[in-house]
Amino acid sequence: MKTVKVYGPGCKRCETTESMVKDTAATLGIEISVEKISDPREIAMAGIMSTPGISVDGKLVHAGGLPDAAKLKDWLSA
């Protein structure tokens, strides 16, 4: 099981990013655990200067704006 963290204060883009992660994992048949991080201190400590951000198994893979769908598949499949 992959651990995915979605970083963001709760804006519409952050919610959309979380939905994209869940939908992509379901499409690929990959079991994931999604954690939503909204604490500004935790977001900053993760090195994210622009939200939403995504980390997969502890590795930061995206920050700022909605993720590209093809890249999201790659991150979850790796």
PDB file of N, CA and C in Angstrom:
ATOM      1  N   MET A   1       0.846  -1.184   0.000  1.00  0.00           N
ATOM      2  CA  MET A   1       0.000   0.000   0.000  1.00  0.00           C
ATOM      3  C   MET A   1       0.886   1.241   0.000  1.00  0.00           C
ATOM      4  N   LYS A   2       0.541   2.167  -0.865  1.00  0.00           N
ATOM      5  CA  LYS A   2       1.275   3.433  -0.941  1.00  0.00           C
ATOM      6  C   LYS A   2       0.633   4.435   0.008  1.00  0.00           C
ATOM      7  N   THR A   3       1.479   5.273   0.587  1.00  0.00           N
ATOM      8  CA  THR A   3       1.017   6.354   1.447  1.00  0.00           C
ATOM      9  C   THR A   3       1.139   7.658   0.674  1.00  0.00           C
ATOM     10  N   VAL A   4       0.021   8.334   0.488  1.00  0.00           N
ATOM     11  CA  VAL A   4      -0.013   9.585  -0.253  1.00  0.00           C
ATOM     12  C   VAL A   4      -0.474  10.689   0.688  1.00  0.00           C
ATOM     13  N   LYS A   5       0.281  11.794   0.683  1.00  0.00           N
ATOM     14  CA  LYS A   5      -0.130  12.963   1.461  1.00  0.00           C
ATOM     15  C   LYS A   5      -0.459  14.081   0.491  1.00  0.00           C
ATOM     16  N   VAL A   6      -1.614  14.712   0.712  1.00  0.00           N
ATOM     17  CA  VAL A   6      -2.026  15.859  -0.079  1.00  0.00           C
ATOM     18  C   VAL A   6      -1.958  17.068   0.849  1.00  0.00           C
ATOM     19  N   TYR A   7      -1.128  18.030   0.480  1.00  0.00           N
ATOM     20  CA  TYR A   7      -0.897  19.216   1.298  1.00  0.00           C
ATOM     21  C   TYR A   7      -1.685  20.395   0.753  1.00  0.00           C
ATOM     22  N   GLY A   8      -2.408  21.093   1.613  1.00  0.00           N
ATOM     23  CA  GLY A   8      -3.130  22.284   1.206  1.00  0.00           C
ATOM     24  C   GLY A   8      -4.078  22.743   2.289  1.00  0.00           C
ATOM     25  N   PRO A   9      -4.455  24.019   2.255  1.00  0.00           N
ATOM     26  CA  PRO A   9      -5.295  24.590   3.302  1.00  0.00           C
ATOM     27  C   PRO A   9      -6.763  24.221   3.209  1.00  0.00           C
ATOM     28  N   GLY A  10      -7.175  23.531   2.146  1.00  0.00           N
ATOM     29  CA  GLY A  10      -8.578  23.167   2.005  1.00  0.00           C
ATOM     30  C   GLY A  10      -9.271  23.904   0.884  1.00  0.00           C
ATOM     31  N   CYS A  11      -8.490  24.508  -0.005  1.00  0.00           N
ATOM     32  CA  CYS A  11      -9.069  25.235  -1.136  1.00  0.00           C
ATOM     33  C   CYS A  11      -9.639  24.253  -2.162  1.00  0.00           C
ATOM     34  N   LYS A  12     -10.337  24.772  -3.137  1.00  0.00           N
ATOM     35  CA  LYS A  12     -10.969  23.934  -4.163  1.00  0.00           C
ATOM     36  C   LYS A  12      -9.931  23.119  -4.932  1.00  0.00           C
ATOM     37  N   ARG A  13      -8.779  23.723  -5.248  1.00  0.00           N
ATOM     38  CA  ARG A  13      -7.729  22.989  -5.969  1.00  0.00           C
ATOM     39  C   ARG A  13      -7.197  21.837  -5.130  1.00  0.00           C
ATOM     40  N   CYS A  14      -7.082  22.050  -3.835  1.00  0.00           N
ATOM     41  CA  CYS A  14      -6.587  20.999  -2.941  1.00  0.00           C
ATOM     42  C   CYS A  14      -7.589  19.840  -2.879  1.00  0.00           C
ATOM     43  N   GLU A  15      -8.858  20.166  -2.796  1.00  0.00           N
ATOM     44  CA  GLU A  15      -9.898  19.137  -2.778  1.00  0.00           C
ATOM     45  C   GLU A  15      -9.927  18.365  -4.100  1.00  0.00           C
ATOM     46  N   THR A  16      -9.771  19.091  -5.206  1.00  0.00           N
ATOM     47  CA  THR A  16      -9.748  18.457  -6.521  1.00  0.00           C
ATOM     48  C   THR A  16      -8.543  17.540  -6.652  1.00  0.00           C
ATOM     49  N   THR A  17      -7.395  17.974  -6.138  1.00  0.00           N
ATOM     50  CA  THR A  17      -6.180  17.166  -6.185  1.00  0.00           C
ATOM     51  C   THR A  17      -6.378  15.871  -5.402  1.00  0.00           C
ATOM     52  N   GLU A  18      -6.971  15.965  -4.226  1.00  0.00           N
ATOM     53  CA  GLU A  18      -7.232  14.768  -3.419  1.00  0.00           C
ATOM     54  C   GLU A  18      -8.148  13.799  -4.175  1.00  0.00           C
ATOM     55  N   SER A  19      -9.187  14.328  -4.819  1.00  0.00           N
ATOM     56  CA  SER A  19     -10.097  13.494  -5.602  1.00  0.00           C
ATOM     57  C   SER A  19      -9.371  12.843  -6.777  1.00  0.00           C
ATOM     58  N   MET A  20      -8.494  13.609  -7.434  1.00  0.00           N
ATOM     59  CA  MET A  20      -7.725  13.065  -8.560  1.00  0.00           C
ATOM     60  C   MET A  20      -6.854  11.901  -8.115  1.00  0.00           C
ATOM     61  N   VAL A  21      -6.213  12.056  -6.956  1.00  0.00           N
ATOM     62  CA  VAL A  21      -5.348  10.996  -6.428  1.00  0.00           C
ATOM     63  C   VAL A  21      -6.170   9.735  -6.180  1.00  0.00           C
ATOM     64  N   LYS A  22      -7.294   9.883  -5.506  1.00  0.00           N
ATOM     65  CA  LYS A  22      -8.143   8.733  -5.187  1.00  0.00           C
ATOM     66  C   LYS A  22      -8.701   8.083  -6.446  1.00  0.00           C
ATOM     67  N   ASP A  23      -9.170   8.889  -7.392  1.00  0.00           N
ATOM     68  CA  ASP A  23      -9.739   8.356  -8.635  1.00  0.00           C
ATOM     69  C   ASP A  23      -8.682   7.632  -9.465  1.00  0.00           C
ATOM     70  N   THR A  24      -7.492   8.209  -9.542  1.00  0.00           N
ATOM     71  CA  THR A  24      -6.413   7.594 -10.321  1.00  0.00           C
ATOM     72  C   THR A  24      -5.999   6.269  -9.709  1.00  0.00           C
ATOM     73  N   ALA A  25      -5.874   6.228  -8.393  1.00  0.00           N
ATOM     74  CA  ALA A  25      -5.507   4.979  -7.715  1.00  0.00           C
ATOM     75  C   ALA A  25      -6.564   3.906  -7.967  1.00  0.00           C
ATOM     76  N   ALA A  26      -7.828   4.289  -7.902  1.00  0.00           N
ATOM     77  CA  ALA A  26      -8.915   3.332  -8.135  1.00  0.00           C
ATOM     78  C   ALA A  26      -8.876   2.812  -9.572  1.00  0.00           C
ATOM     79  N   THR A  27      -8.632   3.703 -10.522  1.00  0.00           N
ATOM     80  CA  THR A  27      -8.541   3.319 -11.930  1.00  0.00           C
ATOM     81  C   THR A  27      -7.398   2.336 -12.160  1.00  0.00           C
ATOM     82  N   LEU A  28      -6.261   2.589 -11.483  1.00  0.00           N
ATOM     83  CA  LEU A  28      -5.089   1.735 -11.647  1.00  0.00           C
ATOM     84  C   LEU A  28      -5.167   0.464 -10.796  1.00  0.00           C
ATOM     85  N   GLY A  29      -6.132   0.413  -9.883  1.00  0.00           N
ATOM     86  CA  GLY A  29      -6.255  -0.742  -8.997  1.00  0.00           C
ATOM     87  C   GLY A  29      -5.173  -0.778  -7.932  1.00  0.00           C
ATOM     88  N   ILE A  30      -4.693   0.398  -7.541  1.00  0.00           N
ATOM     89  CA  ILE A  30      -3.632   0.510  -6.542  1.00  0.00           C
ATOM     90  C   ILE A  30      -4.246   0.894  -5.199  1.00  0.00           C
ATOM     91  N   GLU A  31      -3.870   0.167  -4.164  1.00  0.00           N
ATOM     92  CA  GLU A  31      -4.365   0.471  -2.827  1.00  0.00           C
ATOM     93  C   GLU A  31      -3.500   1.570  -2.230  1.00  0.00           C
ATOM     94  N   ILE A  32      -4.146   2.649  -1.792  1.00  0.00           N
ATOM     95  CA  ILE A  32      -3.410   3.766  -1.203  1.00  0.00           C
ATOM     96  C   ILE A  32      -4.054   4.203   0.100  1.00  0.00           C
ATOM     97  N   SER A  33      -3.254   4.884   0.891  1.00  0.00           N
ATOM     98  CA  SER A  33      -3.738   5.547   2.094  1.00  0.00           C
ATOM     99  C   SER A  33      -3.506   7.036   1.855  1.00  0.00           C
ATOM    100  N   VAL A  34      -4.573   7.837   1.901  1.00  0.00           N
ATOM    101  CA  VAL A  34      -4.461   9.268   1.637  1.00  0.00           C
ATOM    102  C   VAL A  34      -4.604  10.038   2.943  1.00  0.00           C
ATOM    103  N   GLU A  35      -3.639  10.900   3.185  1.00  0.00           N
ATOM    104  CA  GLU A  35      -3.687  11.771   4.364  1.00  0.00           C
ATOM    105  C   GLU A  35      -3.710  13.209   3.878  1.00  0.00           C
ATOM    106  N   LYS A  36      -4.657  13.995   4.387  1.00  0.00           N
ATOM    107  CA  LYS A  36      -4.769  15.413   4.036  1.00  0.00           C
ATOM    108  C   LYS A  36      -4.053  16.229   5.093  1.00  0.00           C
ATOM    109  N   ILE A  37      -3.073  17.011   4.676  1.00  0.00           N
ATOM    110  CA  ILE A  37      -2.305  17.861   5.585  1.00  0.00           C
ATOM    111  C   ILE A  37      -2.700  19.311   5.329  1.00  0.00           C
ATOM    112  N   SER A  38      -3.317  19.956   6.334  1.00  0.00           N
ATOM    113  CA  SER A  38      -3.751  21.339   6.153  1.00  0.00           C
ATOM    114  C   SER A  38      -3.057  22.311   7.113  1.00  0.00           C
ATOM    115  N   ASP A  39      -2.255  21.800   8.027  1.00  0.00           N
ATOM    116  CA  ASP A  39      -1.537  22.659   8.973  1.00  0.00           C
ATOM    117  C   ASP A  39      -0.428  23.413   8.242  1.00  0.00           C
ATOM    118  N   PRO A  40      -0.449  24.753   8.257  1.00  0.00           N
ATOM    119  CA  PRO A  40       0.562  25.536   7.533  1.00  0.00           C
ATOM    120  C   PRO A  40       1.999  25.197   7.945  1.00  0.00           C
ATOM    121  N   ARG A  41       2.203  24.887   9.207  1.00  0.00           N
ATOM    122  CA  ARG A  41       3.549  24.552   9.681  1.00  0.00           C
ATOM    123  C   ARG A  41       4.028  23.244   9.041  1.00  0.00           C
ATOM    124  N   GLU A  42       3.145  22.241   8.995  1.00  0.00           N
ATOM    125  CA  GLU A  42       3.512  20.959   8.376  1.00  0.00           C
ATOM    126  C   GLU A  42       3.755  21.115   6.877  1.00  0.00           C
ATOM    127  N   ILE A  43       2.956  21.950   6.237  1.00  0.00           N
ATOM    128  CA  ILE A  43       3.125  22.189   4.804  1.00  0.00           C
ATOM    129  C   ILE A  43       4.497  22.818   4.555  1.00  0.00           C
ATOM    130  N   ALA A  44       4.847  23.812   5.343  1.00  0.00           N
ATOM    131  CA  ALA A  44       6.148  24.468   5.189  1.00  0.00           C
ATOM    132  C   ALA A  44       7.299  23.511   5.494  1.00  0.00           C
ATOM    133  N   MET A  45       7.139  22.683   6.520  1.00  0.00           N
ATOM    134  CA  MET A  45       8.197  21.739   6.884  1.00  0.00           C
ATOM    135  C   MET A  45       8.422  20.695   5.790  1.00  0.00           C
ATOM    136  N   ALA A  46       7.402  20.449   4.982  1.00  0.00           N
ATOM    137  CA  ALA A  46       7.531  19.510   3.874  1.00  0.00           C
ATOM    138  C   ALA A  46       8.225  20.156   2.677  1.00  0.00           C
ATOM    139  N   GLY A  47       8.488  21.458   2.766  1.00  0.00           N
ATOM    140  CA  GLY A  47       9.172  22.162   1.689  1.00  0.00           C
ATOM    141  C   GLY A  47       8.246  22.661   0.597  1.00  0.00           C
ATOM    142  N   ILE A  48       6.971  22.745   0.894  1.00  0.00           N
ATOM    143  CA  ILE A  48       5.993  23.166  -0.103  1.00  0.00           C
ATOM    144  C   ILE A  48       5.730  24.660   0.047  1.00  0.00           C
ATOM    145  N   MET A  49       6.033  25.387  -1.023  1.00  0.00           N
ATOM    146  CA  MET A  49       5.841  26.832  -1.011  1.00  0.00           C
ATOM    147  C   MET A  49       4.537  27.236  -1.704  1.00  0.00           C
ATOM    148  N   SER A  50       3.998  26.344  -2.522  1.00  0.00           N
ATOM    149  CA  SER A  50       2.766  26.609  -3.249  1.00  0.00           C
ATOM    150  C   SER A  50       1.917  25.338  -3.219  1.00  0.00           C
ATOM    151  N   THR A  51       0.658  25.474  -2.819  1.00  0.00           N
ATOM    152  CA  THR A  51      -0.212  24.309  -2.715  1.00  0.00           C
ATOM    153  C   THR A  51      -1.109  24.210  -3.941  1.00  0.00           C
ATOM    154  N   PRO A  52      -1.671  23.066  -4.203  1.00  0.00           N
ATOM    155  CA  PRO A  52      -1.551  21.833  -3.442  1.00  0.00           C
ATOM    156  C   PRO A  52      -0.221  21.125  -3.703  1.00  0.00           C
ATOM    157  N   GLY A  53       0.150  20.291  -2.735  1.00  0.00           N
ATOM    158  CA  GLY A  53       1.348  19.482  -2.868  1.00  0.00           C
ATOM    159  C   GLY A  53       0.997  18.018  -2.679  1.00  0.00           C
ATOM    160  N   ILE A  54       1.842  17.156  -3.230  1.00  0.00           N
ATOM    161  CA  ILE A  54       1.613  15.709  -3.119  1.00  0.00           C
ATOM    162  C   ILE A  54       2.938  15.033  -2.801  1.00  0.00           C
ATOM    163  N   SER A  55       2.902  14.123  -1.818  1.00  0.00           N
ATOM    164  CA  SER A  55       4.050  13.251  -1.594  1.00  0.00           C
ATOM    165  C   SER A  55       3.555  11.811  -1.667  1.00  0.00           C
ATOM    166  N   VAL A  56       4.398  10.948  -2.232  1.00  0.00           N
ATOM    167  CA  VAL A  56       4.083   9.533  -2.350  1.00  0.00           C
ATOM    168  C   VAL A  56       5.187   8.772  -1.628  1.00  0.00           C
ATOM    169  N   ASP A  57       4.799   8.019  -0.607  1.00  0.00           N
ATOM    170  CA  ASP A  57       5.745   7.255   0.212  1.00  0.00           C
ATOM    171  C   ASP A  57       6.905   8.121   0.705  1.00  0.00           C
ATOM    172  N   GLY A  58       6.563   9.336   1.162  1.00  0.00           N
ATOM    173  CA  GLY A  58       7.540  10.226   1.766  1.00  0.00           C
ATOM    174  C   GLY A  58       8.342  11.069   0.791  1.00  0.00           C
ATOM    175  N   LYS A  59       8.119  10.917  -0.504  1.00  0.00           N
ATOM    176  CA  LYS A  59       8.860  11.681  -1.508  1.00  0.00           C
ATOM    177  C   LYS A  59       7.944  12.737  -2.105  1.00  0.00           C
ATOM    178  N   LEU A  60       8.348  14.006  -2.004  1.00  0.00           N
ATOM    179  CA  LEU A  60       7.573  15.095  -2.580  1.00  0.00           C
ATOM    180  C   LEU A  60       7.640  15.001  -4.105  1.00  0.00           C
ATOM    181  N   VAL A  61       6.478  14.888  -4.754  1.00  0.00           N
ATOM    182  CA  VAL A  61       6.445  14.725  -6.203  1.00  0.00           C
ATOM    183  C   VAL A  61       5.785  15.899  -6.922  1.00  0.00           C
ATOM    184  N   HIS A  62       5.071  16.752  -6.171  1.00  0.00           N
ATOM    185  CA  HIS A  62       4.348  17.840  -6.834  1.00  0.00           C
ATOM    186  C   HIS A  62       4.069  18.964  -5.843  1.00  0.00           C
ATOM    187  N   ALA A  63       4.145  20.199  -6.345  1.00  0.00           N
ATOM    188  CA  ALA A  63       3.737  21.358  -5.547  1.00  0.00           C
ATOM    189  C   ALA A  63       3.262  22.459  -6.485  1.00  0.00           C
ATOM    190  N   GLY A  64       2.115  23.031  -6.175  1.00  0.00           N
ATOM    191  CA  GLY A  64       1.580  24.163  -6.921  1.00  0.00           C
ATOM    192  C   GLY A  64       0.706  23.780  -8.091  1.00  0.00           C
ATOM    193  N   GLY A  65      -0.569  24.089  -8.016  1.00  0.00           N
ATOM    194  CA  GLY A  65      -1.496  23.823  -9.111  1.00  0.00           C
ATOM    195  C   GLY A  65      -1.944  22.379  -9.158  1.00  0.00           C
ATOM    196  N   LEU A  66      -2.855  22.105 -10.068  1.00  0.00           N
ATOM    197  CA  LEU A  66      -3.359  20.748 -10.222  1.00  0.00           C
ATOM    198  C   LEU A  66      -2.299  19.887 -10.905  1.00  0.00           C
ATOM    199  N   PRO A  67      -2.152  18.649 -10.459  1.00  0.00           N
ATOM    200  CA  PRO A  67      -1.151  17.776 -11.080  1.00  0.00           C
ATOM    201  C   PRO A  67      -1.600  17.306 -12.463  1.00  0.00           C
ATOM    202  N   ASP A  68      -0.626  17.019 -13.305  1.00  0.00           N
ATOM    203  CA  ASP A  68      -0.889  16.450 -14.618  1.00  0.00           C
ATOM    204  C   ASP A  68      -1.355  15.011 -14.422  1.00  0.00           C
ATOM    205  N   ALA A  69      -2.440  14.626 -15.094  1.00  0.00           N
ATOM    206  CA  ALA A  69      -3.022  13.291 -14.904  1.00  0.00           C
ATOM    207  C   ALA A  69      -2.040  12.172 -15.252  1.00  0.00           C
ATOM    208  N   ALA A  70      -1.274  12.334 -16.330  1.00  0.00           N
ATOM    209  CA  ALA A  70      -0.316  11.301 -16.740  1.00  0.00           C
ATOM    210  C   ALA A  70       0.802  11.160 -15.710  1.00  0.00           C
ATOM    211  N   LYS A  71       1.280  12.282 -15.186  1.00  0.00           N
ATOM    212  CA  LYS A  71       2.328  12.234 -14.166  1.00  0.00           C
ATOM    213  C   LYS A  71       1.802  11.602 -12.889  1.00  0.00           C
ATOM    214  N   LEU A  72       0.561  11.899 -12.547  1.00  0.00           N
ATOM    215  CA  LEU A  72      -0.048  11.319 -11.355  1.00  0.00           C
ATOM    216  C   LEU A  72      -0.076   9.796 -11.467  1.00  0.00           C
ATOM    217  N   LYS A  73      -0.422   9.284 -12.642  1.00  0.00           N
ATOM    218  CA  LYS A  73      -0.398   7.827 -12.857  1.00  0.00           C
ATOM    219  C   LYS A  73       1.000   7.272 -12.656  1.00  0.00           C
ATOM    220  N   ASP A  74       1.997   7.976 -13.168  1.00  0.00           N
ATOM    221  CA  ASP A  74       3.392   7.544 -13.022  1.00  0.00           C
ATOM    222  C   ASP A  74       3.816   7.518 -11.550  1.00  0.00           C
ATOM    223  N   TRP A  75       3.467   8.557 -10.811  1.00  0.00           N
ATOM    224  CA  TRP A  75       3.850   8.628  -9.400  1.00  0.00           C
ATOM    225  C   TRP A  75       3.233   7.500  -8.604  1.00  0.00           C
ATOM    226  N   LEU A  76       1.975   7.203  -8.875  1.00  0.00           N
ATOM    227  CA  LEU A  76       1.299   6.157  -8.119  1.00  0.00           C
ATOM    228  C   LEU A  76       1.729   4.767  -8.552  1.00  0.00           C
ATOM    229  N   SER A  77       2.157   4.626  -9.789  1.00  0.00           N
ATOM    230  CA  SER A  77       2.579   3.318 -10.313  1.00  0.00           C
ATOM    231  C   SER A  77       4.019   2.960  -9.936  1.00  0.00           C
ATOM    232  N   ALA A  78       4.815   3.961  -9.649  1.00  0.00           N
ATOM    233  CA  ALA A  78       6.252   3.723  -9.379  1.00  0.00           C
ATOM    234  C   ALA A  78       6.467   2.932  -8.106  1.00  0.00           C
TER     235      ALA A  78
END
